[in-house]
Amino acid sequence: MSASWLETARNIIAELDRSLPADLSLKERRKAVREAYPWGERSMWPYKAWCKAQREYLSRFVTPEERLRNLPLTPLERLVAKSKRGDQS
């Protein structure tokens, strides 16, 4: 059985991570992951899987303040934020 697109993407990013310096900035790390995309055209399921694996990886390096600025919220995070805003009203 072959690996899924997501598993393959995670493996590629993990291999890339082992080659990157530990003190690399988030911006440089994001650029390295973006440049490592292996499947040509950025569309359909392979690209969606890559984006998910990329988000999982980069989220480990983002502070809470940067997260709000640099990464879009997940549907669950949007729901929690919406409920918090509703509680304040």
PDB file of N, CA and C in Angstrom:
ATOM      1  N   MET A   1       0.842  -1.186   0.000  1.00  0.00           N
ATOM      2  CA  MET A   1       0.000   0.000   0.000  1.00  0.00           C
ATOM      3  C   MET A   1       0.885   1.246   0.000  1.00  0.00           C
ATOM      4  N   SER A   2       0.561   2.197  -0.823  1.00  0.00           N
ATOM      5  CA  SER A   2       1.367   3.412  -0.900  1.00  0.00           C
ATOM      6  C   SER A   2       0.894   4.423   0.149  1.00  0.00           C
ATOM      7  N   ALA A   3       1.786   5.335   0.478  1.00  0.00           N
ATOM      8  CA  ALA A   3       1.473   6.374   1.462  1.00  0.00           C
ATOM      9  C   ALA A   3       0.502   7.384   0.863  1.00  0.00           C
ATOM     10  N   SER A   4      -0.294   7.998   1.717  1.00  0.00           N
ATOM     11  CA  SER A   4      -1.216   9.028   1.253  1.00  0.00           C
ATOM     12  C   SER A   4      -0.428  10.300   0.915  1.00  0.00           C
ATOM     13  N   TRP A   5      -1.098  11.209   0.227  1.00  0.00           N
ATOM     14  CA  TRP A   5      -0.461  12.496  -0.100  1.00  0.00           C
ATOM     15  C   TRP A   5      -0.023  13.197   1.186  1.00  0.00           C
ATOM     16  N   LEU A   6      -0.876  13.153   2.205  1.00  0.00           N
ATOM     17  CA  LEU A   6      -0.567  13.841   3.459  1.00  0.00           C
ATOM     18  C   LEU A   6       0.633  13.204   4.157  1.00  0.00           C
ATOM     19  N   GLU A   7       0.671  11.889   4.207  1.00  0.00           N
ATOM     20  CA  GLU A   7       1.820  11.214   4.821  1.00  0.00           C
ATOM     21  C   GLU A   7       3.103  11.531   4.069  1.00  0.00           C
ATOM     22  N   THR A   8       3.026  11.517   2.751  1.00  0.00           N
ATOM     23  CA  THR A   8       4.195  11.838   1.934  1.00  0.00           C
ATOM     24  C   THR A   8       4.655  13.266   2.186  1.00  0.00           C
ATOM     25  N   ALA A   9       3.702  14.203   2.234  1.00  0.00           N
ATOM     26  CA  ALA A   9       4.035  15.604   2.504  1.00  0.00           C
ATOM     27  C   ALA A   9       4.686  15.755   3.872  1.00  0.00           C
ATOM     28  N   ARG A  10       4.130  15.085   4.870  1.00  0.00           N
ATOM     29  CA  ARG A  10       4.706  15.153   6.219  1.00  0.00           C
ATOM     30  C   ARG A  10       6.131  14.608   6.233  1.00  0.00           C
ATOM     31  N   ASN A  11       6.358  13.516   5.514  1.00  0.00           N
ATOM     32  CA  ASN A  11       7.701  12.928   5.458  1.00  0.00           C
ATOM     33  C   ASN A  11       8.699  13.856   4.772  1.00  0.00           C
ATOM     34  N   ILE A  12       8.284  14.493   3.685  1.00  0.00           N
ATOM     35  CA  ILE A  12       9.161  15.420   2.968  1.00  0.00           C
ATOM     36  C   ILE A  12       9.515  16.607   3.862  1.00  0.00           C
ATOM     37  N   ILE A  13       8.515  17.149   4.549  1.00  0.00           N
ATOM     38  CA  ILE A  13       8.747  18.294   5.430  1.00  0.00           C
ATOM     39  C   ILE A  13       9.611  17.893   6.617  1.00  0.00           C
ATOM     40  N   ALA A  14       9.414  16.692   7.149  1.00  0.00           N
ATOM     41  CA  ALA A  14      10.248  16.218   8.271  1.00  0.00           C
ATOM     42  C   ALA A  14      11.705  16.074   7.833  1.00  0.00           C
ATOM     43  N   GLU A  15      11.912  15.581   6.624  1.00  0.00           N
ATOM     44  CA  GLU A  15      13.279  15.459   6.095  1.00  0.00           C
ATOM     45  C   GLU A  15      13.900  16.843   5.916  1.00  0.00           C
ATOM     46  N   LEU A  16      13.121  17.772   5.404  1.00  0.00           N
ATOM     47  CA  LEU A  16      13.590  19.147   5.249  1.00  0.00           C
ATOM     48  C   LEU A  16      13.948  19.738   6.609  1.00  0.00           C
ATOM     49  N   ASP A  17      13.093  19.503   7.604  1.00  0.00           N
ATOM     50  CA  ASP A  17      13.320  20.044   8.945  1.00  0.00           C
ATOM     51  C   ASP A  17      14.660  19.585   9.515  1.00  0.00           C
ATOM     52  N   ARG A  18      15.019  18.335   9.262  1.00  0.00           N
ATOM     53  CA  ARG A  18      16.298  17.822   9.770  1.00  0.00           C
ATOM     54  C   ARG A  18      17.487  18.549   9.146  1.00  0.00           C
ATOM     55  N   SER A  19      17.293  19.126   7.959  1.00  0.00           N
ATOM     56  CA  SER A  19      18.399  19.812   7.287  1.00  0.00           C
ATOM     57  C   SER A  19      18.459  21.313   7.611  1.00  0.00           C
ATOM     58  N   LEU A  20      17.444  21.843   8.281  1.00  0.00           N
ATOM     59  CA  LEU A  20      17.396  23.279   8.579  1.00  0.00           C
ATOM     60  C   LEU A  20      18.043  23.574   9.929  1.00  0.00           C
ATOM     61  N   PRO A  21      18.688  24.736  10.060  1.00  0.00           N
ATOM     62  CA  PRO A  21      19.246  25.128  11.361  1.00  0.00           C
ATOM     63  C   PRO A  21      18.129  25.349  12.384  1.00  0.00           C
ATOM     64  N   ALA A  22      18.390  25.023  13.607  1.00  0.00           N
ATOM     65  CA  ALA A  22      17.384  25.142  14.666  1.00  0.00           C
ATOM     66  C   ALA A  22      16.960  26.586  14.910  1.00  0.00           C
ATOM     67  N   ASP A  23      17.862  27.547  14.665  1.00  0.00           N
ATOM     68  CA  ASP A  23      17.547  28.954  14.950  1.00  0.00           C
ATOM     69  C   ASP A  23      17.000  29.708  13.734  1.00  0.00           C
ATOM     70  N   LEU A  24      16.572  29.001  12.726  1.00  0.00           N
ATOM     71  CA  LEU A  24      16.032  29.627  11.513  1.00  0.00           C
ATOM     72  C   LEU A  24      14.744  30.381  11.852  1.00  0.00           C
ATOM     73  N   SER A  25      14.587  31.574  11.295  1.00  0.00           N
ATOM     74  CA  SER A  25      13.391  32.374  11.581  1.00  0.00           C
ATOM     75  C   SER A  25      12.162  31.730  10.930  1.00  0.00           C
ATOM     76  N   LEU A  26      10.997  32.121  11.425  1.00  0.00           N
ATOM     77  CA  LEU A  26       9.746  31.598  10.875  1.00  0.00           C
ATOM     78  C   LEU A  26       9.622  31.947   9.392  1.00  0.00           C
ATOM     79  N   LYS A  27       9.995  33.156   9.035  1.00  0.00           N
ATOM     80  CA  LYS A  27       9.897  33.593   7.644  1.00  0.00           C
ATOM     81  C   LYS A  27      10.785  32.733   6.736  1.00  0.00           C
ATOM     82  N   GLU A  28      12.002  32.485   7.157  1.00  0.00           N
ATOM     83  CA  GLU A  28      12.916  31.662   6.357  1.00  0.00           C
ATOM     84  C   GLU A  28      12.468  30.209   6.322  1.00  0.00           C
ATOM     85  N   ARG A  29      11.936  29.721   7.437  1.00  0.00           N
ATOM     86  CA  ARG A  29      11.432  28.353   7.509  1.00  0.00           C
ATOM     87  C   ARG A  29      10.241  28.187   6.571  1.00  0.00           C
ATOM     88  N   ARG A  30       9.336  29.163   6.574  1.00  0.00           N
ATOM     89  CA  ARG A  30       8.169  29.125   5.684  1.00  0.00           C
ATOM     90  C   ARG A  30       8.616  29.104   4.228  1.00  0.00           C
ATOM     91  N   LYS A  31       9.604  29.916   3.900  1.00  0.00           N
ATOM     92  CA  LYS A  31      10.113  29.959   2.532  1.00  0.00           C
ATOM     93  C   LYS A  31      10.724  28.613   2.132  1.00  0.00           C
ATOM     94  N   ALA A  32      11.483  28.007   3.016  1.00  0.00           N
ATOM     95  CA  ALA A  32      12.106  26.706   2.722  1.00  0.00           C
ATOM     96  C   ALA A  32      11.050  25.639   2.470  1.00  0.00           C
ATOM     97  N   VAL A  33       9.995  25.639   3.275  1.00  0.00           N
ATOM     98  CA  VAL A  33       8.920  24.652   3.091  1.00  0.00           C
ATOM     99  C   VAL A  33       8.192  24.919   1.784  1.00  0.00           C
ATOM    100  N   ARG A  34       7.922  26.163   1.485  1.00  0.00           N
ATOM    101  CA  ARG A  34       7.236  26.518   0.236  1.00  0.00           C
ATOM    102  C   ARG A  34       8.052  26.056  -0.973  1.00  0.00           C
ATOM    103  N   GLU A  35       9.365  26.264  -0.922  1.00  0.00           N
ATOM    104  CA  GLU A  35      10.234  25.881  -2.042  1.00  0.00           C
ATOM    105  C   GLU A  35      10.416  24.371  -2.167  1.00  0.00           C
ATOM    106  N   ALA A  36      10.109  23.631  -1.115  1.00  0.00           N
ATOM    107  CA  ALA A  36      10.283  22.176  -1.140  1.00  0.00           C
ATOM    108  C   ALA A  36       9.092  21.450  -1.756  1.00  0.00           C
ATOM    109  N   TYR A  37       8.053  22.171  -2.152  1.00  0.00           N
ATOM    110  CA  TYR A  37       6.854  21.536  -2.726  1.00  0.00           C
ATOM    111  C   TYR A  37       7.254  20.668  -3.919  1.00  0.00           C
ATOM    112  N   PRO A  38       6.905  19.375  -3.885  1.00  0.00           N
ATOM    113  CA  PRO A  38       7.452  18.438  -4.873  1.00  0.00           C
ATOM    114  C   PRO A  38       6.572  18.086  -6.076  1.00  0.00           C
ATOM    115  N   TRP A  39       5.312  18.497  -6.127  1.00  0.00           N
ATOM    116  CA  TRP A  39       4.408  17.917  -7.111  1.00  0.00           C
ATOM    117  C   TRP A  39       4.005  18.828  -8.264  1.00  0.00           C
ATOM    118  N   GLY A  40       4.810  19.756  -8.655  1.00  0.00           N
ATOM    119  CA  GLY A  40       4.478  20.580  -9.828  1.00  0.00           C
ATOM    120  C   GLY A  40       3.387  21.594  -9.545  1.00  0.00           C
ATOM    121  N   GLU A  41       2.281  21.471 -10.289  1.00  0.00           N
ATOM    122  CA  GLU A  41       1.187  22.428 -10.156  1.00  0.00           C
ATOM    123  C   GLU A  41       0.593  22.393  -8.753  1.00  0.00           C
ATOM    124  N   ARG A  42       0.328  23.550  -8.236  1.00  0.00           N
ATOM    125  CA  ARG A  42      -0.214  23.658  -6.881  1.00  0.00           C
ATOM    126  C   ARG A  42      -1.739  23.694  -6.950  1.00  0.00           C
ATOM    127  N   SER A  43      -2.312  22.513  -7.098  1.00  0.00           N
ATOM    128  CA  SER A  43      -3.761  22.408  -7.171  1.00  0.00           C
ATOM    129  C   SER A  43      -4.206  21.015  -6.756  1.00  0.00           C
ATOM    130  N   MET A  44      -5.487  20.898  -6.521  1.00  0.00           N
ATOM    131  CA  MET A  44      -6.143  19.645  -6.173  1.00  0.00           C
ATOM    132  C   MET A  44      -5.645  19.065  -4.857  1.00  0.00           C
ATOM    133  N   TRP A  45      -5.914  17.783  -4.618  1.00  0.00           N
ATOM    134  CA  TRP A  45      -5.635  17.171  -3.333  1.00  0.00           C
ATOM    135  C   TRP A  45      -4.160  17.189  -2.937  1.00  0.00           C
ATOM    136  N   PRO A  46      -3.202  16.926  -3.840  1.00  0.00           N
ATOM    137  CA  PRO A  46      -1.805  16.970  -3.397  1.00  0.00           C
ATOM    138  C   PRO A  46      -1.436  18.316  -2.762  1.00  0.00           C
ATOM    139  N   TYR A  47      -1.903  19.404  -3.334  1.00  0.00           N
ATOM    140  CA  TYR A  47      -1.589  20.720  -2.790  1.00  0.00           C
ATOM    141  C   TYR A  47      -2.306  20.951  -1.462  1.00  0.00           C
ATOM    142  N   LYS A  48      -3.551  20.496  -1.359  1.00  0.00           N
ATOM    143  CA  LYS A  48      -4.281  20.634  -0.090  1.00  0.00           C
ATOM    144  C   LYS A  48      -3.565  19.859   1.011  1.00  0.00           C
ATOM    145  N   ALA A  49      -3.108  18.658   0.688  1.00  0.00           N
ATOM    146  CA  ALA A  49      -2.382  17.851   1.667  1.00  0.00           C
ATOM    147  C   ALA A  49      -1.089  18.545   2.071  1.00  0.00           C
ATOM    148  N   TRP A  50      -0.389  19.126   1.089  1.00  0.00           N
ATOM    149  CA  TRP A  50       0.849  19.851   1.377  1.00  0.00           C
ATOM    150  C   TRP A  50       0.577  21.031   2.315  1.00  0.00           C
ATOM    151  N   CYS A  51      -0.477  21.783   2.029  1.00  0.00           N
ATOM    152  CA  CYS A  51      -0.820  22.939   2.867  1.00  0.00           C
ATOM    153  C   CYS A  51      -1.128  22.512   4.303  1.00  0.00           C
ATOM    154  N   LYS A  52      -1.829  21.395   4.456  1.00  0.00           N
ATOM    155  CA  LYS A  52      -2.141  20.913   5.797  1.00  0.00           C
ATOM    156  C   LYS A  52      -0.862  20.497   6.528  1.00  0.00           C
ATOM    157  N   ALA A  53       0.002  19.753   5.848  1.00  0.00           N
ATOM    158  CA  ALA A  53       1.260  19.318   6.469  1.00  0.00           C
ATOM    159  C   ALA A  53       2.137  20.525   6.794  1.00  0.00           C
ATOM    160  N   GLN A  54       2.144  21.506   5.911  1.00  0.00           N
ATOM    161  CA  GLN A  54       2.923  22.734   6.119  1.00  0.00           C
ATOM    162  C   GLN A  54       2.410  23.489   7.340  1.00  0.00           C
ATOM    163  N   ARG A  55       1.098  23.606   7.458  1.00  0.00           N
ATOM    164  CA  ARG A  55       0.506  24.299   8.606  1.00  0.00           C
ATOM    165  C   ARG A  55       0.838  23.577   9.908  1.00  0.00           C
ATOM    166  N   GLU A  56       0.718  22.261   9.911  1.00  0.00           N
ATOM    167  CA  GLU A  56       1.056  21.485  11.111  1.00  0.00           C
ATOM    168  C   GLU A  56       2.504  21.734  11.522  1.00  0.00           C
ATOM    169  N   TYR A  57       3.391  21.710  10.549  1.00  0.00           N
ATOM    170  CA  TYR A  57       4.816  21.894  10.828  1.00  0.00           C
ATOM    171  C   TYR A  57       5.101  23.311  11.332  1.00  0.00           C
ATOM    172  N   LEU A  58       4.642  24.306  10.612  1.00  0.00           N
ATOM    173  CA  LEU A  58       4.959  25.690  10.971  1.00  0.00           C
ATOM    174  C   LEU A  58       4.321  26.116  12.286  1.00  0.00           C
ATOM    175  N   SER A  59       3.212  25.509  12.646  1.00  0.00           N
ATOM    176  CA  SER A  59       2.541  25.904  13.889  1.00  0.00           C
ATOM    177  C   SER A  59       3.404  25.647  15.117  1.00  0.00           C
ATOM    178  N   ARG A  60       4.382  24.757  15.005  1.00  0.00           N
ATOM    179  CA  ARG A  60       5.283  24.485  16.135  1.00  0.00           C
ATOM    180  C   ARG A  60       6.230  25.645  16.401  1.00  0.00           C
ATOM    181  N   PHE A  61       6.413  26.530  15.437  1.00  0.00           N
ATOM    182  CA  PHE A  61       7.400  27.608  15.537  1.00  0.00           C
ATOM    183  C   PHE A  61       6.766  28.980  15.704  1.00  0.00           C
ATOM    184  N   VAL A  62       5.472  29.036  15.851  1.00  0.00           N
ATOM    185  CA  VAL A  62       4.757  30.304  15.893  1.00  0.00           C
ATOM    186  C   VAL A  62       4.335  30.618  17.319  1.00  0.00           C
ATOM    187  N   THR A  63       4.635  31.831  17.757  1.00  0.00           N
ATOM    188  CA  THR A  63       4.161  32.278  19.065  1.00  0.00           C
ATOM    189  C   THR A  63       2.678  32.612  18.946  1.00  0.00           C
ATOM    190  N   PRO A  64       1.959  32.683  20.047  1.00  0.00           N
ATOM    191  CA  PRO A  64       0.531  33.018  19.965  1.00  0.00           C
ATOM    192  C   PRO A  64       0.262  34.356  19.259  1.00  0.00           C
ATOM    193  N   GLU A  65       1.134  35.343  19.477  1.00  0.00           N
ATOM    194  CA  GLU A  65       0.947  36.644  18.820  1.00  0.00           C
ATOM    195  C   GLU A  65       1.149  36.530  17.312  1.00  0.00           C
ATOM    196  N   GLU A  66       2.184  35.805  16.897  1.00  0.00           N
ATOM    197  CA  GLU A  66       2.441  35.620  15.467  1.00  0.00           C
ATOM    198  C   GLU A  66       1.340  34.791  14.824  1.00  0.00           C
ATOM    199  N   ARG A  67       0.797  33.856  15.558  1.00  0.00           N
ATOM    200  CA  ARG A  67      -0.244  32.986  15.015  1.00  0.00           C
ATOM    201  C   ARG A  67      -1.431  33.806  14.535  1.00  0.00           C
ATOM    202  N   LEU A  68      -1.807  34.780  15.319  1.00  0.00           N
ATOM    203  CA  LEU A  68      -2.939  35.617  14.933  1.00  0.00           C
ATOM    204  C   LEU A  68      -2.641  36.423  13.678  1.00  0.00           C
ATOM    205  N   ARG A  69      -1.386  36.820  13.498  1.00  0.00           N
ATOM    206  CA  ARG A  69      -1.013  37.628  12.341  1.00  0.00           C
ATOM    207  C   ARG A  69      -0.694  36.791  11.109  1.00  0.00           C
ATOM    208  N   ASN A  70      -0.040  35.643  11.272  1.00  0.00           N
ATOM    209  CA  ASN A  70       0.559  34.938  10.143  1.00  0.00           C
ATOM    210  C   ASN A  70      -0.156  33.688   9.674  1.00  0.00           C
ATOM    211  N   LEU A  71      -0.969  33.094  10.496  1.00  0.00           N
ATOM    212  CA  LEU A  71      -1.635  31.862  10.092  1.00  0.00           C
ATOM    213  C   LEU A  71      -3.143  32.042  10.187  1.00  0.00           C
ATOM    214  N   PRO A  72      -3.869  31.603   9.165  1.00  0.00           N
ATOM    215  CA  PRO A  72      -5.324  31.702   9.266  1.00  0.00           C
ATOM    216  C   PRO A  72      -5.842  30.759  10.348  1.00  0.00           C
ATOM    217  N   LEU A  73      -6.950  31.132  10.933  1.00  0.00           N
ATOM    218  CA  LEU A  73      -7.542  30.301  11.981  1.00  0.00           C
ATOM    219  C   LEU A  73      -8.175  29.057  11.370  1.00  0.00           C
ATOM    220  N   THR A  74      -8.148  27.977  12.113  1.00  0.00           N
ATOM    221  CA  THR A  74      -8.847  26.767  11.703  1.00  0.00           C
ATOM    222  C   THR A  74     -10.342  26.988  11.937  1.00  0.00           C
ATOM    223  N   PRO A  75     -11.203  26.153  11.368  1.00  0.00           N
ATOM    224  CA  PRO A  75     -12.638  26.315  11.626  1.00  0.00           C
ATOM    225  C   PRO A  75     -12.972  26.264  13.116  1.00  0.00           C
ATOM    226  N   LEU A  76     -12.316  25.392  13.872  1.00  0.00           N
ATOM    227  CA  LEU A  76     -12.573  25.308  15.304  1.00  0.00           C
ATOM    228  C   LEU A  76     -12.129  26.595  16.009  1.00  0.00           C
ATOM    229  N   GLU A  77     -10.969  27.118  15.628  1.00  0.00           N
ATOM    230  CA  GLU A  77     -10.485  28.366  16.234  1.00  0.00           C
ATOM    231  C   GLU A  77     -11.426  29.525  15.909  1.00  0.00           C
ATOM    232  N   ARG A  78     -11.968  29.561  14.677  1.00  0.00           N
ATOM    233  CA  ARG A  78     -12.934  30.606  14.314  1.00  0.00           C
ATOM    234  C   ARG A  78     -14.193  30.490  15.169  1.00  0.00           C
ATOM    235  N   LEU A  79     -14.660  29.255  15.392  1.00  0.00           N
ATOM    236  CA  LEU A  79     -15.853  29.035  16.203  1.00  0.00           C
ATOM    237  C   LEU A  79     -15.627  29.487  17.646  1.00  0.00           C
ATOM    238  N   VAL A  80     -14.463  29.154  18.198  1.00  0.00           N
ATOM    239  CA  VAL A  80     -14.141  29.565  19.565  1.00  0.00           C
ATOM    240  C   VAL A  80     -14.060  31.089  19.648  1.00  0.00           C
ATOM    241  N   ALA A  81     -13.387  31.724  18.682  1.00  0.00           N
ATOM    242  CA  ALA A  81     -13.275  33.185  18.679  1.00  0.00           C
ATOM    243  C   ALA A  81     -14.656  33.829  18.556  1.00  0.00           C
ATOM    244  N   LYS A  82     -15.504  33.271  17.716  1.00  0.00           N
ATOM    245  CA  LYS A  82     -16.851  33.811  17.537  1.00  0.00           C
ATOM    246  C   LYS A  82     -17.650  33.678  18.835  1.00  0.00           C
ATOM    247  N   SER A  83     -17.527  32.538  19.509  1.00  0.00           N
ATOM    248  CA  SER A  83     -18.276  32.358  20.758  1.00  0.00           C
ATOM    249  C   SER A  83     -17.766  33.307  21.843  1.00  0.00           C
ATOM    250  N   LYS A  84     -16.453  33.575  21.853  1.00  0.00           N
ATOM    251  CA  LYS A  84     -15.911  34.519  22.839  1.00  0.00           C
ATOM    252  C   LYS A  84     -16.436  35.922  22.591  1.00  0.00           C
ATOM    253  N   ARG A  85     -16.510  36.322  21.314  1.00  0.00           N
ATOM    254  CA  ARG A  85     -17.049  37.637  20.984  1.00  0.00           C
ATOM    255  C   ARG A  85     -18.514  37.734  21.393  1.00  0.00           C
ATOM    256  N   GLY A  86     -19.244  36.651  21.229  1.00  0.00           N
ATOM    257  CA  GLY A  86     -20.648  36.615  21.603  1.00  0.00           C
ATOM    258  C   GLY A  86     -20.840  36.712  23.100  1.00  0.00           C
ATOM    259  N   ASP A  87     -19.907  36.147  23.858  1.00  0.00           N
ATOM    260  CA  ASP A  87     -19.984  36.188  25.316  1.00  0.00           C
ATOM    261  C   ASP A  87     -19.754  37.595  25.859  1.00  0.00           C
ATOM    262  N   GLN A  88     -18.978  38.398  25.121  1.00  0.00           N
ATOM    263  CA  GLN A  88     -18.651  39.749  25.585  1.00  0.00           C
ATOM    264  C   GLN A  88     -19.770  40.736  25.324  1.00  0.00           C
ATOM    265  N   SER A  89     -20.669  40.402  24.452  1.00  0.00           N
ATOM    266  CA  SER A  89     -21.761  41.321  24.092  1.00  0.00           C
ATOM    267  C   SER A  89     -22.822  41.379  25.149  1.00  0.00           C
TER     268      SER A  89
END
